[in-house]
Amino acid sequence: MGTQVNWLDLFRLMVRIRYFEQTAFELYTGGKLPGFLHLSIGQEATSVGACSALRADDYMASTHRGHGDTIAKGLAVEPAMIELFGGAAGSCRAKGGSMHIADFSQGILGANGIIGAGIPITVGAALSAKQRKSDQVALCFFGDGATGIGPLHEGMNMAMLWKLPVIFVRQNNHYAESTPRHEYQGIPDVVRWAEGYGMPATKVDGNDVLAVYTAVAQAAARGRRGEGPSFIDSETYRWYGHNIGDPGTARPKEEVEMWKARDPIARFRRVIIEHNIASGTDLDAIDAEEKARLQAAAEMAEKEPKPPVEAALEDLYSDPVLGSRAIQGVRV
């Protein structure tokens, strides 16, 4: 593969994300979670493969479908689950919720409810890294629906112009909400299109965690060498509808079942066993550990206290003095 990674770590992370999202789904449909959810079940290999190829101090920005990406980058499931419950000890102190979950300490610049909004944020982070000569790279995830928006084109152009260490990762799950790709994408091959900006671009099997890892590791190495951005089209599939309220019935049933049969976790499990990395019993133990951890996280998060109303005026400004002056006279 040209790069080294612990396969069991990859497997554990994918299982952790799967249980987090399954638990969130059950909690929400059971009336226990506020807010809204966009599940990425089925896309775990793209999230884990990409983020596992980054360093802890590298940057990452996600989409409205960001649970998997943020956990793969290092966000612990306990503060993440508390955040979904709106608890004061959540990763964003109850201000981010599902669609804007973040953890700056892990280089996670945030999920974002605006389509493609993470792209210019990531490009800015990459510019900062280059100016500081920090040897960091910045990766932005975006979906099919963001392919044709202005910020992506502007971001790619700026990244090439200034040779910024950006990795553009398209989570190609074939749909923009419920609209199939062939109805909105006028560009036949986005890899060739990205190459038109002058950057290296490649298409990978987004359900193959090792393929995604290798592609992103190579892109990160180019970025650290000062060779500029890279583009990766990672083909995958989300099992559920666009959001928690979408039954997903706009998609052909046969298509959904075909992609479920390509489950990235079950697939990687077979690869691990075939290569004698671990036994089925070993992997069952990892599965059980992660399931128990998420159950405990959910039970704990449900009991966490909510923040006082005054907390709505905190964390609004990075400069606390400026912030206190800015909100003078505001009553709660």
C-alpha atoms as a PDB file:
ATOM      1  CA  MET A   1       0.000   0.000   0.000  1.00  0.00           C
ATOM      2  CA  GLY A   2       2.968   2.317   0.449  1.00  0.00           C
ATOM      3  CA  THR A   3       1.717   3.456   3.868  1.00  0.00           C
ATOM      4  CA  GLN A   4       1.213   1.707   7.194  1.00  0.00           C
ATOM      5  CA  VAL A   5      -1.892   1.757   9.377  1.00  0.00           C
ATOM      6  CA  ASN A   6      -3.307  -0.530  12.045  1.00  0.00           C
ATOM      7  CA  TRP A   7      -6.178  -2.401  10.416  1.00  0.00           C
ATOM      8  CA  LEU A   8      -7.845  -3.172  13.729  1.00  0.00           C
ATOM      9  CA  ASP A   9      -7.875   0.526  14.582  1.00  0.00           C
ATOM     10  CA  LEU A  10      -9.666   1.205  11.296  1.00  0.00           C
ATOM     11  CA  PHE A  11     -12.177  -1.553  11.974  1.00  0.00           C
ATOM     12  CA  ARG A  12     -12.849  -0.319  15.506  1.00  0.00           C
ATOM     13  CA  LEU A  13     -13.426   3.244  14.320  1.00  0.00           C
ATOM     14  CA  MET A  14     -15.898   2.156  11.656  1.00  0.00           C
ATOM     15  CA  VAL A  15     -17.796   0.036  14.171  1.00  0.00           C
ATOM     16  CA  ARG A  16     -17.776   2.930  16.659  1.00  0.00           C
ATOM     17  CA  ILE A  17     -19.299   5.282  14.099  1.00  0.00           C
ATOM     18  CA  ARG A  18     -21.923   2.724  13.084  1.00  0.00           C
ATOM     19  CA  TYR A  19     -23.055   2.221  16.684  1.00  0.00           C
ATOM     20  CA  PHE A  20     -23.028   5.963  17.358  1.00  0.00           C
ATOM     21  CA  GLU A  21     -25.365   6.615  14.465  1.00  0.00           C
ATOM     22  CA  GLN A  22     -27.594   3.626  15.131  1.00  0.00           C
ATOM     23  CA  THR A  23     -27.898   4.758  18.744  1.00  0.00           C
ATOM     24  CA  ALA A  24     -28.656   8.342  17.682  1.00  0.00           C
ATOM     25  CA  PHE A  25     -31.330   7.066  15.291  1.00  0.00           C
ATOM     26  CA  GLU A  26     -32.989   5.005  18.018  1.00  0.00           C
ATOM     27  CA  LEU A  27     -32.865   7.876  20.493  1.00  0.00           C
ATOM     28  CA  TYR A  28     -34.288  10.382  18.037  1.00  0.00           C
ATOM     29  CA  THR A  29     -37.118   8.181  16.836  1.00  0.00           C
ATOM     30  CA  GLY A  30     -37.817   7.396  20.487  1.00  0.00           C
ATOM     31  CA  GLY A  31     -38.366  11.100  21.138  1.00  0.00           C
ATOM     32  CA  LYS A  32     -35.293  11.572  23.332  1.00  0.00           C
ATOM     33  CA  LEU A  33     -33.091  13.766  21.122  1.00  0.00           C
ATOM     34  CA  PRO A  34     -33.774  17.400  20.157  1.00  0.00           C
ATOM     35  CA  GLY A  35     -32.740  18.984  16.893  1.00  0.00           C
ATOM     36  CA  PHE A  36     -32.254  17.041  13.683  1.00  0.00           C
ATOM     37  CA  LEU A  37     -30.101  14.239  12.253  1.00  0.00           C
ATOM     38  CA  HIS A  38     -28.460  13.399   8.953  1.00  0.00           C
ATOM     39  CA  LEU A  39     -27.081   9.858   9.170  1.00  0.00           C
ATOM     40  CA  SER A  40     -24.021   8.621   7.289  1.00  0.00           C
ATOM     41  CA  ILE A  41     -24.502   4.902   7.935  1.00  0.00           C
ATOM     42  CA  GLY A  42     -22.871   3.098   4.998  1.00  0.00           C
ATOM     43  CA  GLN A  43     -20.189   5.766   4.481  1.00  0.00           C
ATOM     44  CA  GLU A  44     -17.917   4.753   7.372  1.00  0.00           C
ATOM     45  CA  ALA A  45     -14.993   3.654   5.200  1.00  0.00           C
ATOM     46  CA  THR A  46     -14.699   7.057   3.550  1.00  0.00           C
ATOM     47  CA  SER A  47     -14.708   8.895   6.900  1.00  0.00           C
ATOM     48  CA  VAL A  48     -12.289   6.535   8.649  1.00  0.00           C
ATOM     49  CA  GLY A  49      -9.955   5.960   5.715  1.00  0.00           C
ATOM     50  CA  ALA A  50      -9.572   9.677   5.077  1.00  0.00           C
ATOM     51  CA  CYS A  51      -9.210  10.900   8.660  1.00  0.00           C
ATOM     52  CA  SER A  52      -6.872   8.071   9.665  1.00  0.00           C
ATOM     53  CA  ALA A  53      -4.426   9.309   7.042  1.00  0.00           C
ATOM     54  CA  LEU A  54      -4.224  12.704   8.782  1.00  0.00           C
ATOM     55  CA  ARG A  55      -2.138  13.784  11.746  1.00  0.00           C
ATOM     56  CA  ALA A  56      -3.787  14.816  14.993  1.00  0.00           C
ATOM     57  CA  ASP A  57      -2.899  18.470  14.325  1.00  0.00           C
ATOM     58  CA  ASP A  58      -4.237  18.506  10.760  1.00  0.00           C
ATOM     59  CA  TYR A  59      -7.515  20.260  10.017  1.00  0.00           C
ATOM     60  CA  MET A  60     -10.813  18.793   8.847  1.00  0.00           C
ATOM     61  CA  ALA A  61     -14.190  20.311   8.011  1.00  0.00           C
ATOM     62  CA  SER A  62     -17.312  18.261   7.438  1.00  0.00           C
ATOM     63  CA  THR A  63     -20.868  18.598   6.163  1.00  0.00           C
ATOM     64  CA  HIS A  64     -24.320  18.492   7.749  1.00  0.00           C
ATOM     65  CA  ARG A  65     -23.783  14.691   7.710  1.00  0.00           C
ATOM     66  CA  GLY A  66     -20.791  14.948  10.006  1.00  0.00           C
ATOM     67  CA  HIS A  67     -21.002  12.445  12.870  1.00  0.00           C
ATOM     68  CA  GLY A  68     -18.799   9.881  11.169  1.00  0.00           C
ATOM     69  CA  ASP A  69     -16.234  12.394   9.946  1.00  0.00           C
ATOM     70  CA  THR A  70     -15.807  14.040  13.343  1.00  0.00           C
ATOM     71  CA  ILE A  71     -15.536  10.773  15.278  1.00  0.00           C
ATOM     72  CA  ALA A  72     -13.042   9.479  12.707  1.00  0.00           C
ATOM     73  CA  LYS A  73     -10.925  12.615  13.233  1.00  0.00           C
ATOM     74  CA  GLY A  74     -10.794  12.108  16.986  1.00  0.00           C
ATOM     75  CA  LEU A  75     -13.960  13.405  18.640  1.00  0.00           C
ATOM     76  CA  ALA A  76     -14.835  11.102  21.557  1.00  0.00           C
ATOM     77  CA  VAL A  77     -18.326   9.643  21.421  1.00  0.00           C
ATOM     78  CA  GLU A  78     -19.176  10.731  24.974  1.00  0.00           C
ATOM     79  CA  PRO A  79     -19.015  14.537  24.442  1.00  0.00           C
ATOM     80  CA  ALA A  80     -20.464  13.997  20.968  1.00  0.00           C
ATOM     81  CA  MET A  81     -23.500  12.199  22.389  1.00  0.00           C
ATOM     82  CA  ILE A  82     -23.907  14.845  25.100  1.00  0.00           C
ATOM     83  CA  GLU A  83     -23.877  17.471  22.356  1.00  0.00           C
ATOM     84  CA  LEU A  84     -26.712  15.715  20.564  1.00  0.00           C
ATOM     85  CA  PHE A  85     -28.709  15.750  23.807  1.00  0.00           C
ATOM     86  CA  GLY A  86     -28.011  19.483  24.231  1.00  0.00           C
ATOM     87  CA  GLY A  87     -26.009  18.976  27.410  1.00  0.00           C
ATOM     88  CA  ALA A  88     -23.689  21.573  28.910  1.00  0.00           C
ATOM     89  CA  ALA A  89     -20.723  19.179  28.730  1.00  0.00           C
ATOM     90  CA  GLY A  90     -21.137  18.571  25.012  1.00  0.00           C
ATOM     91  CA  SER A  91     -18.265  19.142  22.627  1.00  0.00           C
ATOM     92  CA  CYS A  92     -19.791  22.507  21.664  1.00  0.00           C
ATOM     93  CA  ARG A  93     -21.462  23.171  25.023  1.00  0.00           C
ATOM     94  CA  ALA A  94     -24.862  22.508  23.417  1.00  0.00           C
ATOM     95  CA  LYS A  95     -24.392  25.216  20.767  1.00  0.00           C
ATOM     96  CA  GLY A  96     -23.550  22.965  17.826  1.00  0.00           C
ATOM     97  CA  GLY A  97     -25.899  20.037  18.002  1.00  0.00           C
ATOM     98  CA  SER A  98     -25.727  17.481  15.219  1.00  0.00           C
ATOM     99  CA  MET A  99     -25.253  19.692  12.166  1.00  0.00           C
ATOM    100  CA  HIS A 100     -22.578  21.972  13.631  1.00  0.00           C
ATOM    101  CA  ILE A 101     -20.660  19.612  15.870  1.00  0.00           C
ATOM    102  CA  ALA A 102     -16.973  20.530  16.234  1.00  0.00           C
ATOM    103  CA  ASP A 103     -13.866  20.074  18.368  1.00  0.00           C
ATOM    104  CA  PHE A 104     -11.051  22.516  17.665  1.00  0.00           C
ATOM    105  CA  SER A 105      -8.712  20.564  19.965  1.00  0.00           C
ATOM    106  CA  GLN A 106      -8.837  17.730  17.424  1.00  0.00           C
ATOM    107  CA  GLY A 107      -8.495  19.981  14.380  1.00  0.00           C
ATOM    108  CA  ILE A 108     -12.210  19.547  13.655  1.00  0.00           C
ATOM    109  CA  LEU A 109     -13.361  22.880  12.251  1.00  0.00           C
ATOM    110  CA  GLY A 110     -16.964  21.788  12.344  1.00  0.00           C
ATOM    111  CA  ALA A 111     -19.801  20.180  10.547  1.00  0.00           C
ATOM    112  CA  ASN A 112     -21.908  22.737   8.704  1.00  0.00           C
ATOM    113  CA  GLY A 113     -25.565  23.010   7.822  1.00  0.00           C
ATOM    114  CA  ILE A 114     -24.817  25.123   4.740  1.00  0.00           C
ATOM    115  CA  ILE A 115     -23.932  23.103   1.656  1.00  0.00           C
ATOM    116  CA  GLY A 116     -20.222  23.426   0.863  1.00  0.00           C
ATOM    117  CA  ALA A 117     -19.568  25.968   3.626  1.00  0.00           C
ATOM    118  CA  GLY A 118     -16.691  23.917   5.014  1.00  0.00           C
ATOM    119  CA  ILE A 119     -14.729  24.301   1.781  1.00  0.00           C
ATOM    120  CA  PRO A 120     -13.631  27.964   2.150  1.00  0.00           C
ATOM    121  CA  ILE A 121     -13.071  27.386   5.876  1.00  0.00           C
ATOM    122  CA  THR A 122     -10.670  24.564   5.025  1.00  0.00           C
ATOM    123  CA  VAL A 123      -8.901  26.594   2.366  1.00  0.00           C
ATOM    124  CA  GLY A 124      -8.414  29.352   4.932  1.00  0.00           C
ATOM    125  CA  ALA A 125      -6.988  26.861   7.428  1.00  0.00           C
ATOM    126  CA  ALA A 126      -4.590  25.591   4.770  1.00  0.00           C
ATOM    127  CA  LEU A 127      -3.479  29.155   4.001  1.00  0.00           C
ATOM    128  CA  SER A 128      -2.795  29.649   7.705  1.00  0.00           C
ATOM    129  CA  ALA A 129      -0.757  26.440   7.835  1.00  0.00           C
ATOM    130  CA  LYS A 130       1.293  27.516   4.839  1.00  0.00           C
ATOM    131  CA  GLN A 131       1.986  30.975   6.228  1.00  0.00           C
ATOM    132  CA  ARG A 132       2.966  29.541   9.587  1.00  0.00           C
ATOM    133  CA  LYS A 133       5.058  26.798   7.892  1.00  0.00           C
ATOM    134  CA  SER A 134       3.467  24.317  10.290  1.00  0.00           C
ATOM    135  CA  ASP A 135       3.560  21.297   7.930  1.00  0.00           C
ATOM    136  CA  GLN A 136      -0.185  20.787   8.488  1.00  0.00           C
ATOM    137  CA  VAL A 137      -2.735  19.877   5.838  1.00  0.00           C
ATOM    138  CA  ALA A 138      -6.473  20.609   5.736  1.00  0.00           C
ATOM    139  CA  LEU A 139      -9.118  18.210   4.435  1.00  0.00           C
ATOM    140  CA  CYS A 140     -12.651  19.159   3.479  1.00  0.00           C
ATOM    141  CA  PHE A 141     -15.464  16.683   2.981  1.00  0.00           C
ATOM    142  CA  PHE A 142     -18.342  17.662   0.731  1.00  0.00           C
ATOM    143  CA  GLY A 143     -21.175  15.799  -0.932  1.00  0.00           C
ATOM    144  CA  ASP A 144     -22.540  15.410  -4.425  1.00  0.00           C
ATOM    145  CA  GLY A 145     -24.788  18.433  -4.069  1.00  0.00           C
ATOM    146  CA  ALA A 146     -21.807  20.718  -3.435  1.00  0.00           C
ATOM    147  CA  THR A 147     -20.025  19.765  -6.648  1.00  0.00           C
ATOM    148  CA  GLY A 148     -21.504  22.573  -8.696  1.00  0.00           C
ATOM    149  CA  ILE A 149     -21.580  25.385  -6.145  1.00  0.00           C
ATOM    150  CA  GLY A 150     -19.399  28.482  -6.326  1.00  0.00           C
ATOM    151  CA  PRO A 151     -17.411  28.043  -3.111  1.00  0.00           C
ATOM    152  CA  LEU A 152     -15.957  24.737  -4.316  1.00  0.00           C
ATOM    153  CA  HIS A 153     -14.753  26.224  -7.602  1.00  0.00           C
ATOM    154  CA  GLU A 154     -13.451  29.338  -5.876  1.00  0.00           C
ATOM    155  CA  GLY A 155     -11.757  27.232  -3.222  1.00  0.00           C
ATOM    156  CA  MET A 156     -10.099  24.933  -5.738  1.00  0.00           C
ATOM    157  CA  ASN A 157      -8.898  27.854  -7.809  1.00  0.00           C
ATOM    158  CA  MET A 158      -7.435  29.627  -4.761  1.00  0.00           C
ATOM    159  CA  ALA A 159      -5.836  26.425  -3.486  1.00  0.00           C
ATOM    160  CA  MET A 160      -4.098  25.903  -6.815  1.00  0.00           C
ATOM    161  CA  LEU A 161      -3.122  29.547  -7.197  1.00  0.00           C
ATOM    162  CA  TRP A 162      -1.376  29.583  -3.823  1.00  0.00           C
ATOM    163  CA  LYS A 163      -0.357  25.886  -3.762  1.00  0.00           C
ATOM    164  CA  LEU A 164      -2.201  25.307  -0.498  1.00  0.00           C
ATOM    165  CA  PRO A 165      -2.103  21.959   1.357  1.00  0.00           C
ATOM    166  CA  VAL A 166      -5.796  21.173   0.858  1.00  0.00           C
ATOM    167  CA  ILE A 167      -7.360  17.764   0.256  1.00  0.00           C
ATOM    168  CA  PHE A 168     -10.787  17.970  -1.395  1.00  0.00           C
ATOM    169  CA  VAL A 169     -12.744  14.770  -0.642  1.00  0.00           C
ATOM    170  CA  ARG A 170     -16.064  14.352  -2.382  1.00  0.00           C
ATOM    171  CA  GLN A 171     -18.293  11.910  -0.520  1.00  0.00           C
ATOM    172  CA  ASN A 172     -19.943  10.656  -3.665  1.00  0.00           C
ATOM    173  CA  ASN A 173     -23.105   8.929  -2.427  1.00  0.00           C
ATOM    174  CA  HIS A 174     -24.961   9.439  -5.730  1.00  0.00           C
ATOM    175  CA  TYR A 175     -27.622  11.825  -4.430  1.00  0.00           C
ATOM    176  CA  ALA A 176     -28.108  15.497  -3.615  1.00  0.00           C
ATOM    177  CA  GLU A 177     -30.879  15.057  -1.047  1.00  0.00           C
ATOM    178  CA  SER A 178     -33.237  12.873  -3.116  1.00  0.00           C
ATOM    179  CA  THR A 179     -32.100  13.976  -6.585  1.00  0.00           C
ATOM    180  CA  PRO A 180     -29.982  11.376  -8.401  1.00  0.00           C
ATOM    181  CA  ARG A 181     -26.640  12.505  -9.739  1.00  0.00           C
ATOM    182  CA  HIS A 182     -27.546  12.157 -13.420  1.00  0.00           C
ATOM    183  CA  GLU A 183     -30.289  14.783 -13.009  1.00  0.00           C
ATOM    184  CA  TYR A 184     -28.079  17.583 -11.658  1.00  0.00           C
ATOM    185  CA  GLN A 185     -24.460  16.906 -12.586  1.00  0.00           C
ATOM    186  CA  GLY A 186     -23.602  18.205 -16.017  1.00  0.00           C
ATOM    187  CA  ILE A 187     -19.944  17.211 -15.692  1.00  0.00           C
ATOM    188  CA  PRO A 188     -19.549  13.578 -16.835  1.00  0.00           C
ATOM    189  CA  ASP A 189     -16.318  12.925 -14.935  1.00  0.00           C
ATOM    190  CA  VAL A 190     -15.490  15.071 -11.898  1.00  0.00           C
ATOM    191  CA  VAL A 191     -11.964  13.643 -11.780  1.00  0.00           C
ATOM    192  CA  ARG A 192     -11.170  15.079 -15.201  1.00  0.00           C
ATOM    193  CA  TRP A 193     -12.889  18.299 -14.165  1.00  0.00           C
ATOM    194  CA  ALA A 194     -10.758  18.602 -11.027  1.00  0.00           C
ATOM    195  CA  GLU A 195      -7.643  17.886 -13.073  1.00  0.00           C
ATOM    196  CA  GLY A 196      -8.619  20.867 -15.181  1.00  0.00           C
ATOM    197  CA  TYR A 197      -7.673  23.042 -12.225  1.00  0.00           C
ATOM    198  CA  GLY A 198      -4.181  21.595 -12.426  1.00  0.00           C
ATOM    199  CA  MET A 199      -4.335  19.424  -9.330  1.00  0.00           C
ATOM    200  CA  PRO A 200      -3.897  15.637  -9.030  1.00  0.00           C
ATOM    201  CA  ALA A 201      -7.295  13.930  -8.873  1.00  0.00           C
ATOM    202  CA  THR A 202      -8.376  10.333  -8.441  1.00  0.00           C
ATOM    203  CA  LYS A 203     -11.488   8.207  -7.983  1.00  0.00           C
ATOM    204  CA  VAL A 204     -11.515   5.597  -5.215  1.00  0.00           C
ATOM    205  CA  ASP A 205     -13.862   2.931  -3.944  1.00  0.00           C
ATOM    206  CA  GLY A 206     -15.241   4.786  -0.942  1.00  0.00           C
ATOM    207  CA  ASN A 207     -16.359   1.534   0.688  1.00  0.00           C
ATOM    208  CA  ASP A 208     -12.768   0.247   0.725  1.00  0.00           C
ATOM    209  CA  VAL A 209     -11.196   1.823   3.807  1.00  0.00           C
ATOM    210  CA  LEU A 210      -7.655   0.899   2.742  1.00  0.00           C
ATOM    211  CA  ALA A 211      -8.072   2.453  -0.706  1.00  0.00           C
ATOM    212  CA  VAL A 212      -9.368   5.689   0.802  1.00  0.00           C
ATOM    213  CA  TYR A 213      -6.567   5.724   3.375  1.00  0.00           C
ATOM    214  CA  THR A 214      -3.882   5.300   0.732  1.00  0.00           C
ATOM    215  CA  ALA A 215      -5.311   8.000  -1.543  1.00  0.00           C
ATOM    216  CA  VAL A 216      -5.559  10.541   1.280  1.00  0.00           C
ATOM    217  CA  ALA A 217      -2.129   9.629   2.694  1.00  0.00           C
ATOM    218  CA  GLN A 218      -0.578  10.305  -0.718  1.00  0.00           C
ATOM    219  CA  ALA A 219      -2.467  13.595  -1.027  1.00  0.00           C
ATOM    220  CA  ALA A 220      -1.362  14.631   2.466  1.00  0.00           C
ATOM    221  CA  ALA A 221       2.264  13.867   1.622  1.00  0.00           C
ATOM    222  CA  ARG A 222       2.016  16.062  -1.499  1.00  0.00           C
ATOM    223  CA  GLY A 223       0.533  18.869   0.552  1.00  0.00           C
ATOM    224  CA  ARG A 224       3.284  18.678   3.161  1.00  0.00           C
ATOM    225  CA  ARG A 225       5.899  18.812   0.406  1.00  0.00           C
ATOM    226  CA  GLY A 226       4.441  22.100  -0.783  1.00  0.00           C
ATOM    227  CA  GLU A 227       3.002  20.616  -3.982  1.00  0.00           C
ATOM    228  CA  GLY A 228      -0.490  22.002  -3.438  1.00  0.00           C
ATOM    229  CA  PRO A 229      -3.993  20.533  -3.294  1.00  0.00           C
ATOM    230  CA  SER A 230      -5.447  17.191  -4.333  1.00  0.00           C
ATOM    231  CA  PHE A 231      -8.948  16.007  -5.223  1.00  0.00           C
ATOM    232  CA  ILE A 232     -10.417  12.606  -4.310  1.00  0.00           C
ATOM    233  CA  ASP A 233     -13.777  11.343  -5.546  1.00  0.00           C
ATOM    234  CA  SER A 234     -14.773   8.690  -2.997  1.00  0.00           C
ATOM    235  CA  GLU A 235     -17.727   6.642  -4.215  1.00  0.00           C
ATOM    236  CA  THR A 236     -19.932   5.381  -1.402  1.00  0.00           C
ATOM    237  CA  TYR A 237     -23.605   5.273  -0.360  1.00  0.00           C
ATOM    238  CA  ARG A 238     -25.783   6.309   2.575  1.00  0.00           C
ATOM    239  CA  TRP A 239     -28.288   3.678   3.617  1.00  0.00           C
ATOM    240  CA  TYR A 240     -30.860   6.090   5.026  1.00  0.00           C
ATOM    241  CA  GLY A 241     -32.703   9.001   3.446  1.00  0.00           C
ATOM    242  CA  HIS A 242     -31.304  12.518   3.297  1.00  0.00           C
ATOM    243  CA  ASN A 243     -32.362  13.290   6.859  1.00  0.00           C
ATOM    244  CA  ILE A 244     -34.180  11.697   9.771  1.00  0.00           C
ATOM    245  CA  GLY A 245     -37.544  12.707   8.301  1.00  0.00           C
ATOM    246  CA  ASP A 246     -36.836  11.288   4.840  1.00  0.00           C
ATOM    247  CA  PRO A 247     -37.790   7.597   4.475  1.00  0.00           C
ATOM    248  CA  GLY A 248     -35.497   7.322   1.445  1.00  0.00           C
ATOM    249  CA  THR A 249     -38.232   5.815  -0.692  1.00  0.00           C
ATOM    250  CA  ALA A 250     -37.338   8.051  -3.645  1.00  0.00           C
ATOM    251  CA  ARG A 251     -34.425   5.692  -4.305  1.00  0.00           C
ATOM    252  CA  PRO A 252     -34.982   2.319  -5.985  1.00  0.00           C
ATOM    253  CA  LYS A 253     -35.255  -0.442  -3.384  1.00  0.00           C
ATOM    254  CA  GLU A 254     -32.969  -2.673  -5.434  1.00  0.00           C
ATOM    255  CA  GLU A 255     -30.276   0.018  -5.437  1.00  0.00           C
ATOM    256  CA  VAL A 256     -30.392   0.424  -1.665  1.00  0.00           C
ATOM    257  CA  GLU A 257     -30.180  -3.331  -1.108  1.00  0.00           C
ATOM    258  CA  MET A 258     -27.277  -3.623  -3.566  1.00  0.00           C
ATOM    259  CA  TRP A 259     -25.266  -1.044  -1.636  1.00  0.00           C
ATOM    260  CA  LYS A 260     -26.164  -2.564   1.725  1.00  0.00           C
ATOM    261  CA  ALA A 261     -24.676  -5.800   0.429  1.00  0.00           C
ATOM    262  CA  ARG A 262     -21.449  -3.819  -0.025  1.00  0.00           C
ATOM    263  CA  ASP A 263     -21.394  -2.866   3.673  1.00  0.00           C
ATOM    264  CA  PRO A 264     -17.889  -1.433   4.236  1.00  0.00           C
ATOM    265  CA  ILE A 265     -17.638  -2.878   7.755  1.00  0.00           C
ATOM    266  CA  ALA A 266     -18.616  -6.418   6.796  1.00  0.00           C
ATOM    267  CA  ARG A 267     -16.318  -6.171   3.788  1.00  0.00           C
ATOM    268  CA  PHE A 268     -13.301  -5.065   5.827  1.00  0.00           C
ATOM    269  CA  ARG A 269     -14.068  -7.732   8.421  1.00  0.00           C
ATOM    270  CA  ARG A 270     -13.641 -10.379   5.711  1.00  0.00           C
ATOM    271  CA  VAL A 271     -10.389  -8.798   4.541  1.00  0.00           C
ATOM    272  CA  ILE A 272      -8.960  -8.800   8.078  1.00  0.00           C
ATOM    273  CA  ILE A 273      -9.823 -12.460   8.590  1.00  0.00           C
ATOM    274  CA  GLU A 274      -8.521 -13.479   5.147  1.00  0.00           C
ATOM    275  CA  HIS A 275      -5.166 -11.803   5.912  1.00  0.00           C
ATOM    276  CA  ASN A 276      -4.962 -13.468   9.347  1.00  0.00           C
ATOM    277  CA  ILE A 277      -4.813 -10.092  11.101  1.00  0.00           C
ATOM    278  CA  ALA A 278      -7.452 -11.205  13.604  1.00  0.00           C
ATOM    279  CA  SER A 279     -10.067 -13.902  14.034  1.00  0.00           C
ATOM    280  CA  GLY A 280     -13.795 -13.532  13.853  1.00  0.00           C
ATOM    281  CA  THR A 281     -13.884 -13.925  17.623  1.00  0.00           C
ATOM    282  CA  ASP A 282     -11.418 -11.045  18.011  1.00  0.00           C
ATOM    283  CA  LEU A 283     -13.554  -8.820  15.818  1.00  0.00           C
ATOM    284  CA  ASP A 284     -16.717  -9.832  17.650  1.00  0.00           C
ATOM    285  CA  ALA A 285     -15.037  -8.689  20.859  1.00  0.00           C
ATOM    286  CA  ILE A 286     -14.255  -5.268  19.349  1.00  0.00           C
ATOM    287  CA  ASP A 287     -17.857  -5.014  18.162  1.00  0.00           C
ATOM    288  CA  ALA A 288     -19.178  -5.835  21.630  1.00  0.00           C
ATOM    289  CA  GLU A 289     -16.849  -3.311  23.287  1.00  0.00           C
ATOM    290  CA  GLU A 290     -17.965  -0.495  21.007  1.00  0.00           C
ATOM    291  CA  LYS A 291     -21.624  -1.378  21.374  1.00  0.00           C
ATOM    292  CA  ALA A 292     -21.299  -1.300  25.152  1.00  0.00           C
ATOM    293  CA  ARG A 293     -19.420   1.996  25.040  1.00  0.00           C
ATOM    294  CA  LEU A 294     -22.146   3.664  23.004  1.00  0.00           C
ATOM    295  CA  GLN A 295     -24.877   2.309  25.230  1.00  0.00           C
ATOM    296  CA  ALA A 296     -23.081   3.710  28.273  1.00  0.00           C
ATOM    297  CA  ALA A 297     -22.461   7.022  26.489  1.00  0.00           C
ATOM    298  CA  ALA A 298     -26.142   7.390  25.658  1.00  0.00           C
ATOM    299  CA  GLU A 299     -27.264   6.578  29.198  1.00  0.00           C
ATOM    300  CA  MET A 300     -24.764   9.052  30.620  1.00  0.00           C
ATOM    301  CA  ALA A 301     -25.570  11.795  28.099  1.00  0.00           C
ATOM    302  CA  GLU A 302     -29.280  11.628  28.800  1.00  0.00           C
ATOM    303  CA  LYS A 303     -28.611  12.482  32.447  1.00  0.00           C
ATOM    304  CA  GLU A 304     -26.246  15.381  31.767  1.00  0.00           C
ATOM    305  CA  PRO A 305     -27.575  18.799  32.839  1.00  0.00           C
ATOM    306  CA  LYS A 306     -28.567  21.375  30.256  1.00  0.00           C
ATOM    307  CA  PRO A 307     -26.728  24.725  30.220  1.00  0.00           C
ATOM    308  CA  PRO A 308     -28.318  27.760  31.895  1.00  0.00           C
ATOM    309  CA  VAL A 309     -29.921  30.279  29.567  1.00  0.00           C
ATOM    310  CA  GLU A 310     -27.092  32.755  30.258  1.00  0.00           C
ATOM    311  CA  ALA A 311     -24.686  30.379  28.513  1.00  0.00           C
ATOM    312  CA  ALA A 312     -26.199  31.466  25.197  1.00  0.00           C
ATOM    313  CA  LEU A 313     -24.067  34.616  25.479  1.00  0.00           C
ATOM    314  CA  GLU A 314     -20.818  32.709  26.026  1.00  0.00           C
ATOM    315  CA  ASP A 315     -18.354  31.387  23.435  1.00  0.00           C
ATOM    316  CA  LEU A 316     -19.450  33.988  20.883  1.00  0.00           C
ATOM    317  CA  TYR A 317     -16.086  35.754  20.625  1.00  0.00           C
ATOM    318  CA  SER A 318     -12.558  34.389  20.841  1.00  0.00           C
ATOM    319  CA  ASP A 319     -11.545  37.531  22.746  1.00  0.00           C
ATOM    320  CA  PRO A 320     -13.424  37.465  26.082  1.00  0.00           C
ATOM    321  CA  VAL A 321     -12.946  41.210  26.695  1.00  0.00           C
ATOM    322  CA  LEU A 322     -14.311  42.137  23.284  1.00  0.00           C
ATOM    323  CA  GLY A 323     -17.087  39.650  23.746  1.00  0.00           C
ATOM    324  CA  SER A 324     -18.193  41.020  27.095  1.00  0.00           C
ATOM    325  CA  ARG A 325     -18.285  44.526  25.654  1.00  0.00           C
ATOM    326  CA  ALA A 326     -20.198  43.424  22.592  1.00  0.00           C
ATOM    327  CA  ILE A 327     -23.005  41.884  24.588  1.00  0.00           C
ATOM    328  CA  GLN A 328     -23.343  44.644  27.169  1.00  0.00           C
ATOM    329  CA  GLY A 329     -26.962  45.558  27.676  1.00  0.00           C
ATOM    330  CA  VAL A 330     -28.255  42.222  26.394  1.00  0.00           C
ATOM    331  CA  ARG A 331     -30.810  40.731  28.761  1.00  0.00           C
ATOM    332  CA  VAL A 332     -31.648  37.075  29.158  1.00  0.00           C
END
